[in-house]
N, C-alpha and C. Protein backbone atom coordinates (compact mmCIF):
# COMPACT_ATOMS: atom_id res chain seq x y z
N MET A 1 120.80 90.11 104.64
CA MET A 1 121.57 90.89 103.68
C MET A 1 122.99 89.53 103.73
N THR A 2 123.18 89.22 102.84
CA THR A 2 124.75 88.51 102.39
C THR A 2 126.08 89.70 102.67
N VAL A 3 126.93 88.80 102.69
CA VAL A 3 127.92 89.39 103.13
C VAL A 3 128.66 90.46 101.33
N LEU A 4 128.23 89.58 100.57
CA LEU A 4 128.32 89.95 99.23
C LEU A 4 127.66 91.45 98.76
N ASN A 5 126.60 91.60 99.14
CA ASN A 5 125.32 92.58 98.97
C ASN A 5 125.63 93.46 100.03
N TYR A 6 126.33 93.40 101.15
CA TYR A 6 126.87 94.13 102.16
C TYR A 6 127.75 94.79 101.67
N ILE A 7 128.94 94.69 101.13
CA ILE A 7 129.96 95.03 100.28
C ILE A 7 129.45 95.82 98.92
N ARG A 8 128.60 95.24 98.47
CA ARG A 8 128.12 96.02 96.84
C ARG A 8 127.30 97.58 97.74
N LYS A 9 126.46 97.39 98.75
CA LYS A 9 125.78 98.57 99.07
C LYS A 9 126.70 99.46 99.47
N LYS A 10 127.84 99.12 100.01
CA LYS A 10 128.69 100.44 100.54
C LYS A 10 129.71 101.05 99.61
N LEU A 11 129.60 99.82 98.28
CA LEU A 11 130.60 100.44 97.34
C LEU A 11 129.59 101.33 96.18
N GLY A 12 127.98 101.04 96.79
CA GLY A 12 126.88 102.10 96.21
C GLY A 12 126.59 101.32 94.62
N LEU A 13 127.04 99.78 94.74
CA LEU A 13 126.84 99.02 93.43
C LEU A 13 125.38 98.25 93.95
N LYS A 14 124.94 97.79 92.79
CA LYS A 14 123.64 97.56 92.47
C LYS A 14 123.85 95.69 93.28
N LEU A 15 122.61 95.76 94.12
CA LEU A 15 122.52 94.51 94.93
C LEU A 15 122.09 93.43 94.02
N VAL A 16 122.47 91.98 94.50
CA VAL A 16 122.27 90.82 93.86
C VAL A 16 121.42 90.09 94.42
N TYR A 17 120.50 89.51 93.76
CA TYR A 17 119.76 88.13 94.88
C TYR A 17 119.50 86.94 93.79
N LYS A 18 119.31 86.23 94.48
CA LYS A 18 119.09 84.67 93.84
C LYS A 18 118.00 84.37 94.20
N TYR A 19 117.34 84.82 93.44
CA TYR A 19 115.12 84.81 93.61
C TYR A 19 114.73 82.99 93.27
N PRO A 20 113.86 82.77 93.92
CA PRO A 20 113.72 81.63 93.63
C PRO A 20 112.87 81.25 92.39
N LYS A 21 112.97 79.86 92.05
CA LYS A 21 112.87 79.37 90.37
C LYS A 21 110.99 79.88 90.34
N ILE A 22 110.09 79.37 91.99
CA ILE A 22 108.83 79.87 91.63
C ILE A 22 108.58 80.96 90.95
N VAL A 23 109.33 82.16 91.06
CA VAL A 23 109.17 83.35 91.00
C VAL A 23 109.30 83.95 89.41
N SER A 24 110.46 83.23 89.06
CA SER A 24 110.69 83.08 87.58
C SER A 24 109.59 82.46 87.30
N LYS A 25 109.19 81.05 87.25
CA LYS A 25 108.29 80.52 86.25
C LYS A 25 106.96 81.10 86.22
N TYR A 26 106.30 81.57 87.57
CA TYR A 26 105.34 81.89 87.10
C TYR A 26 104.77 83.47 87.27
N CYS A 27 106.09 84.44 87.49
CA CYS A 27 105.88 85.76 87.08
C CYS A 27 106.75 86.20 85.75
N LYS A 28 105.50 86.05 84.61
CA LYS A 28 105.75 86.15 83.96
C LYS A 28 104.74 87.57 83.04
N GLY A 29 105.45 88.43 81.98
CA GLY A 29 104.84 89.20 81.53
C GLY A 29 105.00 90.56 82.46
N TYR A 30 103.65 91.16 82.59
CA TYR A 30 103.24 92.14 82.86
C TYR A 30 102.96 92.24 84.28
N GLY A 31 103.20 92.58 85.56
CA GLY A 31 102.27 92.09 86.83
C GLY A 31 102.35 93.54 87.66
N VAL A 32 102.27 92.92 88.70
CA VAL A 32 102.01 94.55 90.07
C VAL A 32 103.12 93.28 91.18
N GLU A 33 103.75 94.28 92.00
CA GLU A 33 104.23 93.51 93.07
C GLU A 33 103.59 94.60 94.48
N ILE A 34 103.34 93.59 95.01
CA ILE A 34 102.95 94.44 96.54
C ILE A 34 103.38 94.82 97.36
N GLY A 35 104.23 96.02 97.67
CA GLY A 35 104.40 96.23 98.77
C GLY A 35 106.26 96.03 98.33
N GLY A 36 106.43 96.68 97.34
CA GLY A 36 108.05 95.88 96.86
C GLY A 36 108.95 97.21 97.89
N ALA A 37 110.61 96.67 97.76
CA ALA A 37 111.23 97.31 98.53
C ALA A 37 112.94 97.26 97.49
N SER A 38 113.47 98.52 98.26
CA SER A 38 114.73 98.15 97.33
C SER A 38 115.47 97.24 97.93
N HIS A 39 115.49 96.57 98.72
CA HIS A 39 116.82 95.56 99.15
C HIS A 39 116.12 94.25 99.11
N SER A 40 114.77 93.97 98.28
CA SER A 40 114.03 92.87 98.21
C SER A 40 114.16 92.88 96.86
N VAL A 41 115.33 92.55 95.48
CA VAL A 41 114.78 93.07 94.10
C VAL A 41 113.87 91.88 93.72
N PHE A 42 113.95 91.89 92.43
CA PHE A 42 113.36 90.60 91.82
C PHE A 42 112.88 90.72 89.82
N LYS A 43 113.52 89.94 89.82
CA LYS A 43 113.45 90.25 87.96
C LYS A 43 112.40 90.03 87.24
N PHE A 44 111.35 91.05 87.48
CA PHE A 44 110.17 90.52 86.67
C PHE A 44 109.71 92.17 85.94
N ARG A 45 108.95 92.32 85.34
CA ARG A 45 108.62 93.78 85.17
C ARG A 45 107.50 94.17 85.77
N ALA A 46 106.93 94.79 86.67
CA ALA A 46 105.82 95.05 87.44
C ALA A 46 105.90 96.80 88.07
N ILE A 47 104.41 96.89 88.25
CA ILE A 47 104.38 98.52 88.97
C ILE A 47 104.28 97.90 90.55
N ASN A 48 104.70 98.70 91.30
CA ASN A 48 104.80 98.57 92.91
C ASN A 48 103.84 99.49 93.51
N VAL A 49 102.89 98.63 94.08
CA VAL A 49 102.27 99.01 94.94
C VAL A 49 102.08 99.18 95.99
N ASP A 50 101.97 100.24 97.13
CA ASP A 50 102.42 100.21 98.25
C ASP A 50 101.30 101.10 98.66
N ILE A 51 100.90 100.84 100.29
CA ILE A 51 100.11 102.09 101.10
C ILE A 51 100.72 103.21 101.34
N SER A 52 102.04 103.61 101.19
CA SER A 52 102.47 104.70 101.15
C SER A 52 103.94 104.87 100.17
N SER A 53 104.07 105.96 99.96
CA SER A 53 105.13 106.12 98.85
C SER A 53 106.35 105.85 99.43
N HIS A 54 106.20 106.15 100.94
CA HIS A 54 107.44 106.04 101.94
C HIS A 54 108.52 107.34 101.36
N ASP A 55 108.03 108.58 101.29
CA ASP A 55 109.12 110.00 101.37
C ASP A 55 109.39 110.41 102.82
N LYS A 56 109.03 109.94 103.66
CA LYS A 56 109.34 110.61 104.95
C LYS A 56 110.17 109.81 106.26
N ILE A 57 111.44 110.00 106.15
CA ILE A 57 112.57 109.47 106.87
C ILE A 57 111.87 108.75 108.19
N GLU A 58 110.68 109.22 108.97
CA GLU A 58 110.70 108.68 110.11
C GLU A 58 109.71 107.70 109.97
N ASP A 59 109.35 106.87 108.65
CA ASP A 59 108.46 106.11 107.82
C ASP A 59 109.38 104.85 108.52
N CYS A 60 109.04 103.32 109.25
CA CYS A 60 110.30 102.58 109.72
C CYS A 60 110.49 101.95 108.41
N TYR A 61 109.40 101.88 107.26
CA TYR A 61 109.49 100.80 105.96
C TYR A 61 110.79 101.71 105.17
N THR A 62 110.99 103.08 105.22
CA THR A 62 111.86 104.23 104.42
C THR A 62 113.16 103.65 105.06
N LYS A 63 113.37 103.79 106.43
CA LYS A 63 114.53 103.53 106.96
C LYS A 63 115.17 102.08 106.96
N GLU A 64 114.28 101.28 106.97
CA GLU A 64 114.67 99.97 106.46
C GLU A 64 115.05 99.87 105.11
N GLN A 65 114.51 100.14 103.71
CA GLN A 65 115.13 100.24 102.93
C GLN A 65 116.54 101.31 102.86
N LEU A 66 116.53 102.00 103.53
CA LEU A 66 117.84 102.72 103.14
C LEU A 66 119.05 102.57 104.17
N ASP A 67 118.70 101.32 104.97
CA ASP A 67 119.82 100.43 105.69
C ASP A 67 120.07 99.50 105.08
N LYS A 68 118.91 98.84 104.34
CA LYS A 68 119.60 97.64 103.89
C LYS A 68 119.15 97.62 102.41
N GLY A 69 119.12 98.33 101.29
CA GLY A 69 119.17 98.58 99.99
C GLY A 69 119.66 99.81 99.57
N ASN A 70 119.54 100.12 98.20
CA ASN A 70 119.91 101.06 97.99
C ASN A 70 119.09 102.05 97.29
N GLY A 71 118.80 102.78 98.09
CA GLY A 71 117.79 104.04 97.86
C GLY A 71 116.08 103.37 98.13
N ILE A 72 115.22 103.92 97.62
CA ILE A 72 113.46 104.00 98.78
C ILE A 72 113.17 103.53 96.71
N LYS A 73 112.59 102.41 96.73
CA LYS A 73 111.51 101.93 95.39
C LYS A 73 111.23 102.42 95.34
N LYS A 74 110.67 103.20 93.59
CA LYS A 74 109.96 103.63 93.47
C LYS A 74 108.37 103.12 93.98
N VAL A 75 107.29 104.01 94.49
CA VAL A 75 105.81 103.61 94.51
C VAL A 75 105.20 103.79 93.08
N ASP A 76 104.63 103.09 92.74
CA ASP A 76 104.27 103.51 91.39
C ASP A 76 102.66 103.99 91.37
N ILE A 77 102.22 103.14 92.47
CA ILE A 77 100.66 103.20 92.76
C ILE A 77 100.59 103.42 94.42
N VAL A 78 100.17 104.07 94.71
CA VAL A 78 99.74 104.69 96.41
C VAL A 78 98.40 104.33 96.58
N ALA A 79 98.21 102.73 97.25
CA ALA A 79 97.35 102.31 97.80
C ALA A 79 97.08 101.21 98.57
N SER A 80 96.06 100.63 99.36
CA SER A 80 95.82 99.43 100.23
C SER A 80 96.04 98.31 99.01
N GLY A 81 96.68 97.72 99.38
CA GLY A 81 96.79 96.39 98.59
C GLY A 81 95.58 95.38 98.73
N ASP A 82 94.65 95.53 99.22
CA ASP A 82 93.69 95.17 99.30
C ASP A 82 92.03 95.62 98.49
N ASN A 83 92.92 96.89 98.06
CA ASN A 83 92.10 97.93 97.08
C ASN A 83 92.54 98.35 96.38
N ILE A 84 92.88 98.13 94.83
CA ILE A 84 94.09 98.11 93.94
C ILE A 84 93.27 99.02 93.20
N PRO A 85 93.32 100.06 92.39
CA PRO A 85 92.81 100.77 91.49
C PRO A 85 92.89 100.25 90.01
N LEU A 86 92.50 98.74 89.89
CA LEU A 86 92.88 98.47 88.59
C LEU A 86 91.87 97.54 88.25
N ALA A 87 92.02 97.50 86.87
CA ALA A 87 91.05 96.82 86.23
C ALA A 87 90.54 95.22 86.38
N ASP A 88 89.55 94.26 86.46
CA ASP A 88 89.65 93.12 86.72
C ASP A 88 90.26 92.21 85.46
N ASN A 89 91.05 91.73 85.60
CA ASN A 89 91.70 90.43 84.74
C ASN A 89 92.78 91.38 84.03
N SER A 90 93.39 92.59 84.60
CA SER A 90 94.43 93.31 83.98
C SER A 90 95.77 92.80 83.67
N VAL A 91 96.13 92.50 84.56
CA VAL A 91 97.68 92.07 84.93
C VAL A 91 98.07 90.47 84.61
N ASP A 92 98.94 90.28 84.45
CA ASP A 92 99.84 88.74 84.71
C ASP A 92 100.21 87.95 85.81
N PHE A 93 100.62 88.82 86.49
CA PHE A 93 100.61 88.00 88.07
C PHE A 93 100.54 89.08 89.15
N VAL A 94 100.65 88.86 89.78
CA VAL A 94 100.53 89.57 91.32
C VAL A 94 101.77 88.88 92.23
N PHE A 95 102.53 89.75 92.50
CA PHE A 95 103.36 89.35 93.40
C PHE A 95 103.87 89.92 94.97
N SER A 96 103.71 88.94 96.41
CA SER A 96 104.03 90.00 96.92
C SER A 96 105.24 88.85 98.20
N SER A 97 106.06 89.81 98.77
CA SER A 97 107.17 88.82 99.52
C SER A 97 107.18 89.63 101.01
N HIS A 98 107.18 88.96 102.20
CA HIS A 98 106.78 88.86 103.43
C HIS A 98 105.62 90.45 103.67
N VAL A 99 104.77 89.88 102.95
CA VAL A 99 103.40 91.36 103.08
C VAL A 99 102.17 90.73 103.37
N LEU A 100 101.82 89.46 102.87
CA LEU A 100 100.47 89.10 103.26
C LEU A 100 100.25 88.77 104.68
N GLU A 101 101.47 88.38 105.35
CA GLU A 101 100.77 88.71 106.96
C GLU A 101 100.34 89.52 107.62
N HIS A 102 101.30 90.88 106.79
CA HIS A 102 100.58 92.14 107.71
C HIS A 102 99.26 92.69 107.30
N PHE A 103 98.52 91.77 106.55
CA PHE A 103 96.60 92.18 106.50
C PHE A 103 96.01 92.09 107.04
N TYR A 104 95.44 92.58 108.30
CA TYR A 104 94.29 92.27 108.97
C TYR A 104 93.54 90.91 108.36
N ASP A 105 93.14 91.03 106.52
CA ASP A 105 92.37 90.13 106.34
C ASP A 105 92.87 89.48 105.02
N PRO A 106 93.80 88.69 105.17
CA PRO A 106 94.50 87.88 103.80
C PRO A 106 93.72 87.73 102.99
N VAL A 107 92.38 86.90 103.18
CA VAL A 107 91.46 86.48 102.37
C VAL A 107 91.02 87.31 101.55
N ALA A 108 90.47 88.90 101.82
CA ALA A 108 90.35 89.53 100.93
C ALA A 108 91.67 90.13 100.35
N ALA A 109 92.49 90.28 100.89
CA ALA A 109 93.64 90.58 99.91
C ALA A 109 94.13 89.80 98.97
N ILE A 110 94.11 88.13 99.23
CA ILE A 110 94.22 87.47 97.97
C ILE A 110 93.19 87.75 96.83
N ASN A 111 92.37 87.70 97.75
CA ASN A 111 90.45 87.80 96.45
C ASN A 111 90.94 89.38 95.62
N GLU A 112 91.19 90.34 96.18
CA GLU A 112 91.92 91.37 95.47
C GLU A 112 92.74 91.44 94.16
N TRP A 113 93.73 90.33 94.27
CA TRP A 113 94.78 89.86 93.70
C TRP A 113 94.45 89.47 92.54
N LEU A 114 93.73 88.05 93.10
CA LEU A 114 92.75 87.10 91.63
C LEU A 114 92.13 88.02 90.90
N ARG A 115 91.31 88.93 91.40
CA ARG A 115 90.63 89.85 91.06
C ARG A 115 91.20 90.62 89.37
N ILE A 116 92.50 91.29 89.70
CA ILE A 116 93.21 91.92 88.78
C ILE A 116 93.70 91.08 87.85
N VAL A 117 94.34 89.88 88.42
CA VAL A 117 94.70 89.02 87.74
C VAL A 117 94.32 88.21 86.47
N LYS A 118 94.56 87.99 84.96
CA LYS A 118 94.04 87.49 84.06
C LYS A 118 93.56 85.93 84.30
N PRO A 119 92.56 85.28 83.80
CA PRO A 119 92.39 84.01 83.77
C PRO A 119 93.22 83.13 83.41
N ASN A 120 94.06 82.03 84.48
CA ASN A 120 94.75 80.99 84.25
C ASN A 120 96.34 81.94 84.78
N LYS A 121 95.99 82.68 85.01
CA LYS A 121 97.77 83.54 85.17
C LYS A 121 97.83 83.53 86.70
N TYR A 122 98.66 83.59 87.82
CA TYR A 122 99.01 83.70 88.79
C TYR A 122 99.32 85.11 89.77
N VAL A 123 99.00 84.72 91.06
CA VAL A 123 99.45 85.12 92.68
C VAL A 123 100.44 84.67 92.74
N VAL A 124 101.85 84.79 92.95
CA VAL A 124 102.86 84.41 94.13
C VAL A 124 102.92 85.16 94.62
N CYS A 125 103.44 83.90 96.23
CA CYS A 125 103.66 85.24 97.58
C CYS A 125 104.71 84.21 97.82
N ILE A 126 105.72 85.01 98.65
CA ILE A 126 106.70 84.35 99.57
C ILE A 126 105.75 84.95 100.70
N ILE A 127 106.19 83.98 102.01
CA ILE A 127 105.73 83.78 103.13
C ILE A 127 106.43 83.66 104.05
N PRO A 128 106.56 84.52 105.57
CA PRO A 128 107.38 83.92 106.47
C PRO A 128 107.15 83.06 107.00
N HIS A 129 107.79 81.49 107.24
CA HIS A 129 107.78 80.66 107.66
C HIS A 129 107.46 80.90 109.33
N LYS A 130 106.61 80.11 109.97
CA LYS A 130 106.61 80.55 111.51
C LYS A 130 107.97 80.15 112.40
N ASP A 131 108.20 78.69 112.29
CA ASP A 131 108.99 78.28 112.75
C ASP A 131 110.75 78.77 112.12
N ARG A 132 110.92 79.82 111.70
CA ARG A 132 112.22 79.90 111.07
C ARG A 132 111.91 81.52 111.45
N THR A 133 111.03 82.39 112.12
CA THR A 133 111.39 83.64 112.14
C THR A 133 111.03 83.91 113.38
N PHE A 134 110.53 85.34 114.04
CA PHE A 134 110.30 85.82 115.44
C PHE A 134 109.10 85.34 115.92
N ASP A 135 108.21 85.00 115.12
CA ASP A 135 106.68 84.52 115.33
C ASP A 135 107.23 83.12 115.87
N LYS A 136 108.17 82.46 115.92
CA LYS A 136 108.03 80.91 116.15
C LYS A 136 107.32 80.46 117.22
N ASN A 137 107.21 81.69 118.21
CA ASN A 137 106.69 81.15 119.36
C ASN A 137 105.04 81.56 119.61
N ARG A 138 104.96 81.93 118.43
CA ARG A 138 102.89 81.93 118.09
C ARG A 138 102.95 80.68 118.08
N VAL A 139 101.15 81.02 117.66
CA VAL A 139 100.18 79.58 117.27
C VAL A 139 99.80 80.12 115.99
N CYS A 140 99.55 78.78 115.03
CA CYS A 140 99.48 79.33 113.76
C CYS A 140 97.92 79.86 113.82
N THR A 141 97.69 80.46 113.06
CA THR A 141 96.41 81.49 113.14
C THR A 141 95.29 80.52 112.67
N THR A 142 93.82 80.09 113.24
CA THR A 142 93.24 79.08 112.59
C THR A 142 92.37 79.73 111.55
N ILE A 143 91.70 78.51 110.86
CA ILE A 143 91.00 78.94 109.73
C ILE A 143 89.65 79.38 110.24
N GLU A 144 89.25 79.16 111.44
CA GLU A 144 88.04 79.89 112.11
C GLU A 144 88.40 81.51 112.65
N GLU A 145 89.51 81.55 112.62
CA GLU A 145 89.79 83.11 113.05
C GLU A 145 90.08 83.99 111.82
N PHE A 146 90.23 83.20 110.25
CA PHE A 146 90.70 83.70 109.22
C PHE A 146 88.91 84.05 108.51
N VAL A 147 88.15 83.11 109.13
CA VAL A 147 86.84 83.34 108.50
C VAL A 147 86.27 84.52 109.66
N ASN A 148 86.59 84.65 110.83
CA ASN A 148 85.83 85.63 111.48
C ASN A 148 86.19 86.78 111.28
N ARG A 149 87.89 87.54 110.92
CA ARG A 149 88.04 88.77 110.40
C ARG A 149 87.33 88.65 108.84
N HIS A 150 87.49 87.74 108.71
CA HIS A 150 86.64 88.67 107.06
C HIS A 150 85.61 88.87 107.22
N ASN A 151 84.72 88.10 108.09
CA ASN A 151 83.12 88.04 108.15
C ASN A 151 83.38 89.75 109.03
N SER A 152 84.25 90.13 109.11
CA SER A 152 84.12 91.31 110.51
C SER A 152 84.95 92.50 109.74
N TYR A 153 86.00 92.17 108.95
CA TYR A 153 86.68 93.37 107.87
C TYR A 153 85.79 94.64 107.24
N ASP A 154 86.29 95.56 107.73
CA ASP A 154 86.09 96.86 107.14
C ASP A 154 86.81 97.64 106.25
N LYS A 155 87.11 97.87 104.91
CA LYS A 155 87.94 98.28 103.99
C LYS A 155 88.13 99.43 104.32
N THR A 156 86.77 100.41 104.74
CA THR A 156 87.05 101.56 105.14
C THR A 156 88.21 102.24 106.47
N LEU A 157 88.52 101.31 107.46
CA LEU A 157 89.31 101.63 108.32
C LEU A 157 91.01 101.48 107.94
N ARG A 158 91.53 101.90 108.77
CA ARG A 158 93.09 102.01 108.45
C ARG A 158 93.82 101.09 110.04
N TYR A 159 94.19 99.61 109.33
CA TYR A 159 94.55 98.90 110.54
C TYR A 159 95.94 99.12 111.07
N PRO A 160 96.21 99.01 112.16
CA PRO A 160 97.12 99.27 112.75
C PRO A 160 98.37 98.22 111.95
N ASP A 161 99.84 98.49 111.19
CA ASP A 161 100.71 97.66 111.25
C ASP A 161 101.16 96.35 112.37
N ALA A 162 100.81 94.99 111.87
CA ALA A 162 101.43 93.83 112.45
C ALA A 162 101.51 92.90 111.84
N HIS A 163 102.17 91.69 112.61
CA HIS A 163 102.09 90.31 111.46
C HIS A 163 100.73 89.99 112.22
N TYR A 164 99.52 90.13 111.54
CA TYR A 164 98.33 89.42 111.62
C TYR A 164 98.02 87.68 111.74
N SER A 165 99.04 87.75 110.87
CA SER A 165 99.00 86.16 110.50
C SER A 165 99.84 85.19 110.63
N VAL A 166 99.97 84.34 111.28
CA VAL A 166 101.21 83.36 111.44
C VAL A 166 100.74 81.87 110.53
N TRP A 167 101.72 81.23 109.64
CA TRP A 167 101.92 80.61 108.61
C TRP A 167 103.11 79.49 109.05
N ASN A 168 102.49 78.04 108.78
CA ASN A 168 103.71 77.24 108.12
C ASN A 168 103.55 76.74 106.88
N THR A 169 103.94 76.20 106.55
CA THR A 169 103.64 75.76 105.04
C THR A 169 102.34 74.95 104.91
N GLU A 170 102.16 73.77 105.80
CA GLU A 170 100.96 73.18 106.06
C GLU A 170 100.39 74.12 106.76
N THR A 171 100.19 74.92 107.29
CA THR A 171 98.73 75.58 107.52
C THR A 171 98.20 76.49 106.50
N PHE A 172 99.64 76.65 105.68
CA PHE A 172 98.96 77.81 104.47
C PHE A 172 98.28 77.11 103.34
N LEU A 173 98.56 75.81 102.96
CA LEU A 173 98.01 75.03 102.32
C LEU A 173 96.62 74.76 102.69
N GLU A 174 96.73 74.18 103.90
CA GLU A 174 94.95 74.10 104.48
C GLU A 174 94.01 75.66 104.77
N PHE A 175 94.84 76.60 104.42
CA PHE A 175 93.74 78.08 104.49
C PHE A 175 93.41 78.12 102.70
N ALA A 176 94.59 77.64 101.78
CA ALA A 176 94.49 77.68 100.90
C ALA A 176 93.44 77.04 100.32
N LYS A 177 92.94 75.31 100.73
CA LYS A 177 92.03 74.84 100.52
C LYS A 177 91.16 74.91 100.87
N TYR A 178 90.92 75.94 102.09
CA TYR A 178 89.53 75.88 102.89
C TYR A 178 88.74 76.63 101.66
N PHE A 179 89.26 77.85 101.44
CA PHE A 179 89.37 79.08 100.41
C PHE A 179 89.20 79.21 99.05
N ASP A 180 89.22 77.78 99.16
CA ASP A 180 89.10 77.72 97.03
C ASP A 180 89.94 78.37 96.14
N TYR A 181 91.48 78.26 97.02
CA TYR A 181 92.50 79.10 96.41
C TYR A 181 93.38 77.74 95.71
N ASN A 182 93.57 77.66 94.55
CA ASN A 182 94.38 76.70 93.67
C ASN A 182 95.72 76.90 93.50
N VAL A 183 96.32 76.19 94.50
CA VAL A 183 97.51 76.44 94.47
C VAL A 183 98.03 75.37 93.40
N VAL A 184 98.94 75.63 93.17
CA VAL A 184 99.45 74.81 91.63
C VAL A 184 101.15 74.66 92.09
N ALA A 185 101.64 75.05 92.65
CA ALA A 185 103.28 74.94 93.03
C ALA A 185 103.57 75.55 93.97
N TYR A 186 104.36 75.07 95.00
CA TYR A 186 104.91 75.24 96.77
C TYR A 186 106.33 75.35 96.68
N ASN A 187 106.81 75.84 97.74
CA ASN A 187 108.34 75.52 98.05
C ASN A 187 108.38 75.84 99.14
N ASP A 188 108.71 74.97 100.43
CA ASP A 188 108.72 75.31 101.57
C ASP A 188 109.55 75.67 102.32
N LYS A 189 111.05 75.66 101.48
CA LYS A 189 112.50 76.34 102.45
C LYS A 189 113.13 76.97 100.50
N LEU A 190 113.13 78.47 100.83
CA LEU A 190 113.58 79.01 99.76
C LEU A 190 115.46 78.84 100.10
N HIS A 191 116.26 79.26 98.83
CA HIS A 191 117.57 78.90 98.92
C HIS A 191 117.91 80.48 99.61
N ALA A 192 117.53 81.58 99.53
CA ALA A 192 118.21 82.70 99.23
C ALA A 192 117.22 83.85 100.60
N LEU A 193 116.28 82.93 100.59
CA LEU A 193 115.39 83.35 101.91
C LEU A 193 115.24 82.40 103.04
N GLN A 194 115.62 81.90 103.56
CA GLN A 194 115.65 80.83 104.46
C GLN A 194 114.16 80.77 105.77
N ASN A 195 113.98 81.96 105.71
CA ASN A 195 113.05 82.13 106.88
C ASN A 195 111.68 82.26 106.35
N SER A 196 111.22 81.55 105.02
CA SER A 196 110.53 81.57 104.35
C SER A 196 109.91 80.55 103.58
N PHE A 197 108.21 80.43 102.78
CA PHE A 197 108.32 79.87 101.96
C PHE A 197 107.62 80.32 100.87
N ALA A 198 106.92 79.50 99.63
CA ALA A 198 106.53 80.51 98.50
C ALA A 198 105.02 79.50 98.04
N VAL A 199 104.82 80.20 97.40
CA VAL A 199 103.20 79.37 97.02
C VAL A 199 102.66 80.31 95.59
N ALA A 200 102.35 79.65 94.65
CA ALA A 200 101.61 79.94 93.17
C ALA A 200 100.67 79.63 93.30
N ILE A 201 99.57 80.27 93.38
CA ILE A 201 98.20 80.39 92.98
C ILE A 201 97.96 80.69 91.43
N LYS A 202 96.91 79.78 91.00
CA LYS A 202 96.36 80.03 89.81
C LYS A 202 94.79 80.23 89.87
N LYS A 203 94.89 81.68 89.19
CA LYS A 203 93.50 81.96 88.58
C LYS A 203 92.78 81.15 87.95
N LYS A 204 91.29 80.69 88.27
CA LYS A 204 90.50 80.00 87.32
C LYS A 204 89.79 80.34 86.29
N PRO A 205 89.34 79.53 85.28
CA PRO A 205 88.89 80.83 83.77
C PRO A 205 87.75 81.12 84.48
N LEU A 206 87.20 82.23 84.00
CA LEU A 206 86.33 82.98 84.39
C LEU A 206 84.72 82.41 84.64
N CYS A 207 84.78 81.10 84.10
CA CYS A 207 83.49 80.46 83.86
C CYS A 207 83.27 79.56 85.10
N GLN A 208 84.66 79.28 85.83
CA GLN A 208 84.52 78.90 87.25
C GLN A 208 84.69 79.72 88.40
N LYS A 209 84.11 79.76 89.14
CA LYS A 209 83.82 80.70 90.45
C LYS A 209 84.53 79.56 91.67
N ARG A 210 85.26 80.38 92.79
CA ARG A 210 85.51 79.95 93.86
C ARG A 210 84.22 79.68 94.84
N ARG A 211 84.56 78.96 95.74
CA ARG A 211 83.68 79.28 96.88
C ARG A 211 83.24 80.49 97.11
N GLY A 212 81.76 80.39 97.50
CA GLY A 212 81.44 82.02 98.18
C GLY A 212 81.01 83.09 97.29
N GLU A 213 81.58 82.51 96.27
CA GLU A 213 81.74 84.12 94.93
C GLU A 213 80.40 84.07 94.47
N ILE A 214 79.48 84.97 94.46
CA ILE A 214 78.18 85.09 93.68
C ILE A 214 78.50 85.11 91.96
């Protein structure tokens, strides 16, 4: 949190964020934010999908929002981010910030986001960069590991919360290429979120299927 936002929080004023241009460019229309929080506010129109309503004070994410933000951001749909009760091709974008790494199977998550996004629209992710976070001493997750997780993943189970995946910008682009995700833009370092990188994935027209789709 910046000094200015710290002062604003103490005074009960709205927090101000200089968010990445990649967000303003590709998150247009009406979309979905996965795991939105009051201390990470972005200027777009979206419903907030989260695994919890965060109405219990013992919830670590409730505590984090109360500590860093102004209250608790409203959760519009309580659901797992890889199993969203919305129709195919129904929203203009899906956005997540520091969420994808929490999914045991990030392939299942991205596939779900692409399912609900309209053709030629976007999934935009802000992701922790391994070398600029507390994960810096970990090894980047391999393609083989992602494949194994995707093949063994059970959506009926509740997996413990953790940073399951570790990327830098280069390894994420390799991950995206392997799973045939159409990355149309990326930013290796963000001005306001210097521990992160960002990517925009464009959904292909309905007549084009990604590798492995039936």
